[in-house]
Protein backbone atom coordinates (compact mmCIF):
# COMPACT_ATOMS: atom_id res chain seq x y z
CA MET A 1 -115.15 -7.03 100.38
CA LYS A 2 -112.11 -7.53 102.55
CA THR A 3 -112.88 -8.90 105.98
CA TYR A 4 -110.91 -8.00 109.08
CA THR A 5 -110.02 -10.57 111.68
CA MET A 6 -108.93 -10.39 115.29
CA ASN A 7 -105.53 -11.64 114.15
CA GLU A 8 -104.98 -8.55 111.98
CA ASN A 9 -105.75 -6.04 114.72
CA PRO A 10 -106.94 -7.68 117.92
CA GLN A 11 -107.82 -4.62 119.96
CA THR A 12 -108.89 -1.70 117.75
CA ALA A 13 -110.94 -0.74 114.70
CA ASP A 14 -110.73 2.56 112.84
CA ILE A 15 -113.56 4.26 110.94
CA ASN A 16 -112.70 2.47 107.69
CA VAL A 17 -113.11 -0.94 109.33
CA ILE A 18 -116.31 0.16 111.11
CA LYS A 19 -117.88 1.39 107.85
CA LYS A 20 -117.20 -1.98 106.22
CA LEU A 21 -118.68 -4.00 109.08
CA ILE A 22 -121.96 -2.30 109.96
CA PRO A 23 -124.58 -0.93 107.57
CA HIS A 24 -124.81 2.53 109.17
CA ALA A 25 -123.71 5.66 107.31
CA TYR A 26 -123.49 9.36 108.10
CA PRO A 27 -125.39 10.92 109.82
CA PHE A 28 -126.36 7.74 111.69
CA LEU A 29 -122.88 6.30 112.16
CA LEU A 30 -122.31 7.18 115.82
CA VAL A 31 -118.99 5.51 116.63
CA ASP A 32 -115.72 6.79 115.16
CA LYS A 33 -113.27 4.21 116.49
CA ILE A 34 -112.95 1.17 118.73
CA VAL A 35 -109.94 1.84 120.96
CA GLU A 36 -110.00 -1.36 122.98
CA MET A 37 -111.74 -4.72 122.76
CA ASP A 38 -111.64 -8.31 123.84
CA GLY A 39 -113.61 -10.13 121.15
CA ASP A 40 -117.33 -9.70 121.78
CA GLU A 41 -116.81 -9.72 125.57
CA TYR A 42 -115.71 -6.13 126.24
CA GLY A 43 -114.91 -3.03 124.24
CA ILE A 44 -114.59 0.74 124.22
CA GLY A 45 -115.86 2.82 121.31
CA VAL A 46 -115.26 6.55 120.81
CA LYS A 47 -117.49 9.27 119.36
CA ASN A 48 -116.05 12.76 118.85
CA VAL A 49 -119.04 15.04 119.32
CA THR A 50 -118.85 18.17 117.14
CA ILE A 51 -121.13 21.15 116.63
CA ASN A 52 -121.48 19.99 112.99
CA GLU A 53 -123.70 17.05 114.02
CA PRO A 54 -127.05 17.46 112.23
CA PHE A 55 -129.09 16.78 115.38
CA PHE A 56 -127.74 19.94 117.03
CA GLN A 57 -129.75 22.04 114.57
CA GLY A 58 -132.90 21.10 116.47
CA HIS A 59 -131.76 19.67 119.83
CA PHE A 60 -131.41 22.45 121.05
CA PRO A 61 -130.02 25.26 118.85
CA ASP A 62 -129.29 27.69 121.69
CA ASN A 63 -128.09 25.00 124.11
CA PRO A 64 -126.95 22.00 122.01
CA ILE A 65 -127.24 18.63 123.78
CA MET A 66 -126.68 15.23 122.17
CA PRO A 67 -129.92 13.20 122.37
CA GLY A 68 -129.69 10.30 124.82
CA VAL A 69 -131.21 7.88 122.35
CA LEU A 70 -128.29 8.57 120.00
CA GLN A 71 -125.85 7.80 122.81
CA ILE A 72 -127.55 4.42 123.21
CA GLU A 73 -127.39 3.88 119.45
CA GLY A 74 -123.64 4.56 119.60
CA MET A 75 -123.32 1.90 122.30
CA ALA A 76 -125.21 -0.58 120.11
CA GLN A 77 -123.02 0.19 117.10
CA THR A 78 -119.90 -0.35 119.20
CA ALA A 79 -121.21 -3.76 120.29
CA ALA A 80 -122.09 -4.68 116.70
CA VAL A 81 -118.56 -3.91 115.48
CA MET A 82 -117.08 -6.01 118.29
CA CYS A 83 -119.30 -8.97 117.34
CA MET A 84 -118.51 -8.72 113.66
CA LEU A 85 -114.77 -8.57 114.25
CA LYS A 86 -114.96 -11.57 116.54
CA TYR A 87 -116.96 -13.62 114.05
CA ASN A 88 -115.20 -12.19 110.96
CA THR A 89 -118.30 -11.20 109.03
CA LYS A 90 -120.37 -8.25 107.82
CA ILE A 91 -123.83 -7.82 109.33
CA PRO A 92 -126.59 -8.09 106.75
CA ASN A 93 -129.42 -7.45 109.23
CA ILE A 94 -129.35 -6.13 112.80
CA PHE A 95 -132.56 -5.85 114.77
CA PHE A 96 -132.53 -3.83 117.99
CA MET A 97 -134.65 -5.85 120.43
CA THR A 98 -134.59 -4.15 123.81
CA ILE A 99 -133.31 -1.15 125.71
CA ASP A 100 -133.54 -1.62 129.47
CA LYS A 101 -132.43 0.35 132.50
CA ALA A 102 -131.57 3.46 130.44
CA ARG A 103 -130.36 6.38 132.54
CA PHE A 104 -129.02 9.73 131.44
CA ARG A 105 -126.80 11.38 134.03
CA LYS A 106 -125.24 14.46 132.41
CA PRO A 107 -125.62 16.30 129.11
CA VAL A 108 -123.24 15.59 126.24
CA ILE A 109 -122.32 18.76 124.35
CA PRO A 110 -120.22 19.72 121.31
CA GLY A 111 -116.53 19.24 121.98
CA ASP A 112 -117.06 16.22 124.24
CA ILE A 113 -115.36 12.91 123.52
CA LEU A 114 -117.83 10.17 124.32
CA TYR A 115 -116.45 6.78 125.38
CA TYR A 116 -118.85 3.84 125.06
CA HIS A 117 -117.92 0.98 127.40
CA LEU A 118 -119.67 -2.28 126.49
CA LYS A 119 -119.58 -5.54 128.43
CA ILE A 120 -121.45 -8.67 127.37
CA ILE A 121 -124.16 -9.86 129.72
CA ARG A 122 -125.09 -12.93 127.67
CA LYS A 123 -125.23 -14.42 124.21
CA ARG A 124 -127.75 -17.02 123.16
CA ALA A 125 -127.84 -18.22 119.56
CA ASN A 126 -128.03 -15.01 117.47
CA VAL A 127 -129.05 -12.67 120.33
CA TRP A 128 -126.52 -10.57 122.23
CA LYS A 129 -127.20 -8.55 125.40
CA TYR A 130 -124.77 -5.89 126.63
CA LYS A 131 -124.39 -3.50 129.53
CA GLY A 132 -123.36 -0.14 128.09
CA GLU A 133 -121.99 2.91 129.85
CA ALA A 134 -121.04 6.21 128.23
CA TYR A 135 -118.38 8.47 129.76
CA VAL A 136 -117.08 11.98 129.13
CA LEU A 137 -113.83 12.91 130.90
CA GLY A 138 -114.22 9.84 133.15
CA SER A 139 -117.71 10.89 134.28
CA LEU A 140 -120.70 8.58 133.63
CA VAL A 141 -123.17 10.38 131.35
CA ALA A 142 -125.46 7.53 130.23
CA GLU A 143 -126.04 3.83 130.73
CA ALA A 144 -128.34 1.11 129.42
CA GLU A 145 -128.71 -2.59 128.82
CA ILE A 146 -129.24 -3.33 125.15
CA SER A 147 -129.95 -6.43 123.13
CA ALA A 148 -130.03 -7.15 119.44
CA MET A 149 -130.62 -10.04 117.10
CA ILE A 150 -128.26 -10.59 114.21
CA GLU A 151 -129.85 -12.27 111.23
CA ALA A 152 -127.67 -13.80 108.52
CA GLY A 153 -130.09 -12.80 105.78
CA ARG A 154 -133.51 -13.51 104.38
């Protein structure tokens, strides 16, 4: 597997890079691109929300709204990609540890472009904690503090 370093592309990651760095696959890959980043300190991920998303079949068919928990998962995936690019490795095991201070401000609907803004709060050993905010057209739609443990393998 080819690894991607900050020297090759210090501020972005396309879907091909993302798919090589984190173990998520469709339909649970919830970030399409990283459009800006500063190592594992700060980054912006993008999710193009389309009516073809499988969760819209049941949430809610007559008034489709993207589930908030999936918005938080997209934030976490954005943070994971940032960490892996900074440390030039693929993640074998990621364990979501906490979700704190989650707030959902406005619905996210098909056609929206969701921007995940992540800023590191702290890193200790193999545990990262981030403040995440999700925006549509510059308007805050969701926010949370998330932490995860990255394990090198068993």
